[in-house]
Amino acid sequence: PMIDATNLSSTIRVFTGGIREGGEVSATVHMDPANTPQDTLYTQFTANTEKNWRITLTDTAPAETITFAARVKTYSGPLIAIDETIKMEFVLQVNSAPTYA
């Protein structure tokens, strides 16, 4: 975020950069009760624990990864609708600078 650094000798408002926020990562996925990592999302949400995450971008050759530390900020599921697969949604609050590889 930007911080107002205007002082009495300024002729216009002056801003400086503050501490950056890591942002959020949100996802909607098909729910699979047999998928252990999906089960752990709820556990991490209720325990408010931080975990290292890795997103793999498979549409690149070779595949690229983004890794970061985050907490599960919100968790919704199962989401059930007629003629649709069962889904779950979650939002991760990023708490570190991402690493790209």
N, C-alpha and C. Protein backbone atom coordinates (compact mmCIF):
# COMPACT_ATOMS: atom_id res chain seq x y z
N PRO A 1 0.82 -1.20 0.00
CA PRO A 1 0.00 0.00 0.00
C PRO A 1 0.86 1.25 0.00
N MET A 2 0.28 2.30 -0.45
CA MET A 2 0.98 3.58 -0.48
C MET A 2 0.74 4.33 0.82
N ILE A 3 1.77 5.00 1.31
CA ILE A 3 1.69 5.76 2.56
C ILE A 3 1.86 7.23 2.23
N ASP A 4 0.95 8.04 2.76
CA ASP A 4 1.02 9.48 2.53
C ASP A 4 2.22 10.04 3.31
N ALA A 5 3.19 10.61 2.58
CA ALA A 5 4.40 11.17 3.19
C ALA A 5 4.46 12.69 3.00
N THR A 6 3.30 13.29 2.76
CA THR A 6 3.21 14.74 2.56
C THR A 6 3.66 15.46 3.84
N ASN A 7 4.45 16.53 3.66
CA ASN A 7 4.86 17.34 4.82
C ASN A 7 4.57 18.81 4.54
N LEU A 8 4.89 19.66 5.47
CA LEU A 8 4.54 21.08 5.34
C LEU A 8 5.25 21.77 4.17
N SER A 9 6.37 21.24 3.71
CA SER A 9 7.06 21.88 2.57
C SER A 9 6.63 21.28 1.23
N SER A 10 5.75 20.30 1.23
CA SER A 10 5.28 19.67 -0.02
C SER A 10 4.34 20.61 -0.75
N THR A 11 4.45 20.61 -2.08
CA THR A 11 3.53 21.42 -2.90
C THR A 11 2.42 20.55 -3.48
N ILE A 12 2.60 19.25 -3.44
CA ILE A 12 1.57 18.29 -3.81
C ILE A 12 1.65 17.12 -2.83
N ARG A 13 0.65 16.28 -2.81
CA ARG A 13 0.71 15.10 -1.94
C ARG A 13 1.84 14.20 -2.41
N VAL A 14 2.60 13.67 -1.46
CA VAL A 14 3.74 12.81 -1.73
C VAL A 14 3.46 11.45 -1.11
N PHE A 15 3.72 10.39 -1.86
CA PHE A 15 3.46 9.04 -1.37
C PHE A 15 4.72 8.20 -1.46
N THR A 16 4.86 7.29 -0.53
CA THR A 16 5.96 6.34 -0.55
C THR A 16 5.38 4.93 -0.40
N GLY A 17 6.13 3.96 -0.82
CA GLY A 17 5.64 2.59 -0.73
C GLY A 17 5.72 2.05 0.68
N GLY A 18 4.70 1.34 1.10
CA GLY A 18 4.69 0.70 2.41
C GLY A 18 5.05 -0.78 2.26
N ILE A 19 4.80 -1.54 3.29
CA ILE A 19 5.06 -2.97 3.25
C ILE A 19 4.02 -3.62 2.35
N ARG A 20 4.47 -4.38 1.40
CA ARG A 20 3.55 -5.03 0.46
C ARG A 20 2.81 -6.17 1.13
N GLU A 21 1.61 -6.41 0.64
CA GLU A 21 0.82 -7.55 1.10
C GLU A 21 1.00 -8.68 0.10
N GLY A 22 0.94 -9.89 0.59
CA GLY A 22 1.11 -11.05 -0.27
C GLY A 22 -0.07 -11.32 -1.17
N GLY A 23 -1.22 -10.78 -0.80
CA GLY A 23 -2.41 -10.99 -1.62
C GLY A 23 -3.12 -12.29 -1.27
N GLU A 24 -4.01 -12.69 -2.14
CA GLU A 24 -4.80 -13.89 -1.92
C GLU A 24 -4.81 -14.76 -3.17
N VAL A 25 -5.01 -16.03 -2.95
CA VAL A 25 -5.20 -17.00 -4.04
C VAL A 25 -6.53 -17.68 -3.76
N SER A 26 -7.44 -17.64 -4.73
CA SER A 26 -8.74 -18.29 -4.53
C SER A 26 -8.91 -19.39 -5.57
N ALA A 27 -9.67 -20.42 -5.19
CA ALA A 27 -9.88 -21.55 -6.10
C ALA A 27 -11.22 -22.20 -5.82
N THR A 28 -11.81 -22.70 -6.89
CA THR A 28 -12.98 -23.57 -6.81
C THR A 28 -12.55 -24.88 -7.44
N VAL A 29 -12.70 -25.97 -6.70
CA VAL A 29 -12.24 -27.28 -7.19
C VAL A 29 -13.36 -28.30 -7.06
N HIS A 30 -13.25 -29.37 -7.85
CA HIS A 30 -14.18 -30.48 -7.73
C HIS A 30 -13.83 -31.23 -6.45
N MET A 31 -14.81 -31.43 -5.59
CA MET A 31 -14.56 -32.06 -4.30
C MET A 31 -14.45 -33.58 -4.45
N ASP A 32 -13.43 -34.14 -3.84
CA ASP A 32 -13.21 -35.58 -3.83
C ASP A 32 -12.94 -35.99 -2.39
N PRO A 33 -13.94 -36.57 -1.70
CA PRO A 33 -13.75 -36.92 -0.29
C PRO A 33 -12.57 -37.87 -0.04
N ALA A 34 -12.14 -38.60 -1.06
CA ALA A 34 -11.02 -39.52 -0.90
C ALA A 34 -9.68 -38.81 -1.06
N ASN A 35 -9.69 -37.52 -1.38
CA ASN A 35 -8.47 -36.77 -1.63
C ASN A 35 -7.98 -36.16 -0.32
N THR A 36 -6.91 -36.71 0.24
CA THR A 36 -6.40 -36.26 1.54
C THR A 36 -6.02 -34.78 1.57
N PRO A 37 -5.33 -34.25 0.54
CA PRO A 37 -5.01 -32.81 0.59
C PRO A 37 -6.25 -31.92 0.71
N GLN A 38 -7.35 -32.31 0.08
CA GLN A 38 -8.58 -31.53 0.21
C GLN A 38 -9.11 -31.59 1.64
N ASP A 39 -9.03 -32.75 2.26
CA ASP A 39 -9.47 -32.89 3.66
C ASP A 39 -8.64 -32.00 4.57
N THR A 40 -7.35 -31.88 4.28
CA THR A 40 -6.47 -31.10 5.14
C THR A 40 -6.79 -29.60 5.06
N LEU A 41 -7.40 -29.14 3.98
CA LEU A 41 -7.77 -27.73 3.87
C LEU A 41 -8.67 -27.32 5.02
N TYR A 42 -9.67 -28.12 5.31
CA TYR A 42 -10.59 -27.79 6.39
C TYR A 42 -9.86 -27.79 7.74
N THR A 43 -9.00 -28.77 7.95
CA THR A 43 -8.23 -28.85 9.20
C THR A 43 -7.36 -27.60 9.36
N GLN A 44 -6.69 -27.19 8.29
CA GLN A 44 -5.84 -26.00 8.35
C GLN A 44 -6.68 -24.74 8.57
N PHE A 45 -7.88 -24.71 7.99
CA PHE A 45 -8.76 -23.56 8.18
C PHE A 45 -9.16 -23.43 9.65
N THR A 46 -9.61 -24.53 10.25
CA THR A 46 -10.07 -24.46 11.64
C THR A 46 -8.92 -24.25 12.62
N ALA A 47 -7.73 -24.77 12.29
CA ALA A 47 -6.57 -24.62 13.18
C ALA A 47 -5.82 -23.31 12.94
N ASN A 48 -6.13 -22.62 11.84
CA ASN A 48 -5.45 -21.37 11.47
C ASN A 48 -3.94 -21.57 11.39
N THR A 49 -3.52 -22.63 10.71
CA THR A 49 -2.10 -22.93 10.59
C THR A 49 -1.56 -22.47 9.24
N GLU A 50 -0.30 -22.09 9.25
CA GLU A 50 0.37 -21.68 8.01
C GLU A 50 1.05 -22.90 7.39
N LYS A 51 1.03 -22.95 6.06
CA LYS A 51 1.59 -24.08 5.33
C LYS A 51 2.26 -23.55 4.07
N ASN A 52 3.26 -24.27 3.59
CA ASN A 52 3.87 -23.92 2.31
C ASN A 52 3.03 -24.52 1.19
N TRP A 53 2.73 -23.70 0.18
CA TRP A 53 1.89 -24.11 -0.95
C TRP A 53 2.70 -24.06 -2.23
N ARG A 54 2.32 -24.89 -3.19
CA ARG A 54 2.95 -24.89 -4.50
C ARG A 54 1.86 -24.99 -5.56
N ILE A 55 1.88 -24.07 -6.50
CA ILE A 55 0.98 -24.11 -7.65
C ILE A 55 1.83 -24.48 -8.85
N THR A 56 1.41 -25.49 -9.58
CA THR A 56 2.13 -25.92 -10.77
C THR A 56 1.35 -25.48 -12.00
N LEU A 57 2.01 -24.71 -12.85
CA LEU A 57 1.41 -24.23 -14.10
C LEU A 57 1.76 -25.24 -15.19
N THR A 58 0.80 -26.07 -15.55
CA THR A 58 1.07 -27.16 -16.49
C THR A 58 0.93 -26.75 -17.95
N ASP A 59 0.51 -25.52 -18.22
CA ASP A 59 0.36 -25.10 -19.61
C ASP A 59 1.64 -24.49 -20.17
N THR A 60 2.74 -24.65 -19.45
CA THR A 60 4.04 -24.19 -19.94
C THR A 60 4.95 -25.41 -20.12
N ALA A 61 5.94 -25.27 -20.98
CA ALA A 61 6.88 -26.37 -21.18
C ALA A 61 8.29 -25.82 -20.96
N PRO A 62 9.01 -26.26 -19.93
CA PRO A 62 8.55 -27.19 -18.90
C PRO A 62 7.58 -26.51 -17.94
N ALA A 63 6.89 -27.31 -17.13
CA ALA A 63 5.94 -26.78 -16.17
C ALA A 63 6.65 -25.83 -15.20
N GLU A 64 5.98 -24.75 -14.84
CA GLU A 64 6.54 -23.78 -13.89
C GLU A 64 5.81 -23.90 -12.56
N THR A 65 6.48 -23.52 -11.47
CA THR A 65 5.85 -23.58 -10.16
C THR A 65 5.95 -22.24 -9.45
N ILE A 66 4.97 -21.99 -8.60
CA ILE A 66 4.96 -20.83 -7.71
C ILE A 66 4.80 -21.38 -6.30
N THR A 67 5.73 -21.06 -5.41
CA THR A 67 5.63 -21.53 -4.02
C THR A 67 5.54 -20.34 -3.09
N PHE A 68 4.79 -20.51 -1.99
CA PHE A 68 4.59 -19.44 -1.03
C PHE A 68 4.02 -20.02 0.26
N ALA A 69 4.12 -19.28 1.35
CA ALA A 69 3.50 -19.66 2.62
C ALA A 69 2.15 -18.96 2.71
N ALA A 70 1.15 -19.67 3.23
CA ALA A 70 -0.19 -19.09 3.33
C ALA A 70 -1.03 -19.81 4.38
N ARG A 71 -2.09 -19.12 4.78
CA ARG A 71 -3.11 -19.69 5.66
C ARG A 71 -4.42 -19.77 4.88
N VAL A 72 -5.26 -20.74 5.22
CA VAL A 72 -6.58 -20.83 4.59
C VAL A 72 -7.46 -19.77 5.24
N LYS A 73 -7.82 -18.76 4.45
CA LYS A 73 -8.61 -17.63 4.96
C LYS A 73 -10.10 -17.97 4.99
N THR A 74 -10.61 -18.57 3.92
CA THR A 74 -12.01 -18.99 3.88
C THR A 74 -12.10 -20.39 3.28
N TYR A 75 -13.13 -21.10 3.69
CA TYR A 75 -13.35 -22.47 3.21
C TYR A 75 -14.85 -22.67 3.10
N SER A 76 -15.33 -23.13 1.94
CA SER A 76 -16.75 -23.41 1.74
C SER A 76 -16.88 -24.75 1.04
N GLY A 77 -17.65 -25.61 1.58
CA GLY A 77 -17.86 -26.89 0.92
C GLY A 77 -18.51 -27.87 1.87
N PRO A 78 -19.13 -28.89 1.35
CA PRO A 78 -19.33 -29.12 -0.08
C PRO A 78 -20.43 -28.20 -0.64
N LEU A 79 -20.25 -27.82 -1.90
CA LEU A 79 -21.24 -27.02 -2.62
C LEU A 79 -21.95 -27.96 -3.58
N ILE A 80 -23.23 -28.17 -3.35
CA ILE A 80 -23.98 -29.17 -4.12
C ILE A 80 -25.06 -28.48 -4.92
N ALA A 81 -25.12 -28.78 -6.23
CA ALA A 81 -26.14 -28.23 -7.12
C ALA A 81 -26.59 -29.33 -8.09
N ILE A 82 -27.81 -29.24 -8.55
CA ILE A 82 -28.34 -30.22 -9.49
C ILE A 82 -27.56 -30.15 -10.79
N ASP A 83 -27.25 -31.32 -11.35
CA ASP A 83 -26.54 -31.45 -12.62
C ASP A 83 -25.13 -30.88 -12.61
N GLU A 84 -24.49 -30.82 -11.43
CA GLU A 84 -23.12 -30.36 -11.33
C GLU A 84 -22.34 -31.28 -10.40
N THR A 85 -21.04 -31.27 -10.55
CA THR A 85 -20.21 -32.02 -9.61
C THR A 85 -20.20 -31.29 -8.27
N ILE A 86 -19.87 -32.02 -7.22
CA ILE A 86 -19.75 -31.40 -5.89
C ILE A 86 -18.46 -30.58 -5.88
N LYS A 87 -18.55 -29.36 -5.41
CA LYS A 87 -17.40 -28.45 -5.43
C LYS A 87 -17.08 -27.94 -4.04
N MET A 88 -15.91 -27.36 -3.91
CA MET A 88 -15.52 -26.64 -2.70
C MET A 88 -14.74 -25.40 -3.14
N GLU A 89 -14.81 -24.37 -2.32
CA GLU A 89 -14.09 -23.13 -2.60
C GLU A 89 -13.22 -22.79 -1.40
N PHE A 90 -12.07 -22.20 -1.69
CA PHE A 90 -11.22 -21.74 -0.59
C PHE A 90 -10.40 -20.55 -1.04
N VAL A 91 -9.97 -19.76 -0.07
CA VAL A 91 -9.11 -18.60 -0.32
C VAL A 91 -7.90 -18.73 0.59
N LEU A 92 -6.71 -18.56 0.03
CA LEU A 92 -5.47 -18.57 0.79
C LEU A 92 -4.97 -17.14 0.97
N GLN A 93 -4.58 -16.79 2.20
CA GLN A 93 -3.95 -15.50 2.47
C GLN A 93 -2.44 -15.72 2.41
N VAL A 94 -1.79 -15.15 1.40
CA VAL A 94 -0.36 -15.35 1.20
C VAL A 94 0.42 -14.53 2.23
N ASN A 95 1.39 -15.21 2.89
CA ASN A 95 2.17 -14.56 3.95
C ASN A 95 3.67 -14.50 3.66
N SER A 96 4.06 -14.73 2.41
CA SER A 96 5.47 -14.65 2.06
C SER A 96 5.60 -14.20 0.62
N ALA A 97 6.80 -13.79 0.26
CA ALA A 97 7.05 -13.46 -1.14
C ALA A 97 7.04 -14.76 -1.94
N PRO A 98 6.39 -14.78 -3.09
CA PRO A 98 6.37 -16.01 -3.89
C PRO A 98 7.72 -16.29 -4.53
N THR A 99 8.00 -17.58 -4.73
CA THR A 99 9.19 -18.03 -5.43
C THR A 99 8.74 -18.67 -6.73
N TYR A 100 9.35 -18.27 -7.83
CA TYR A 100 9.00 -18.82 -9.14
C TYR A 100 10.11 -19.71 -9.63
N ALA A 101 9.75 -20.88 -10.15
CA ALA A 101 10.76 -21.80 -10.69
C ALA A 101 10.21 -22.50 -11.91
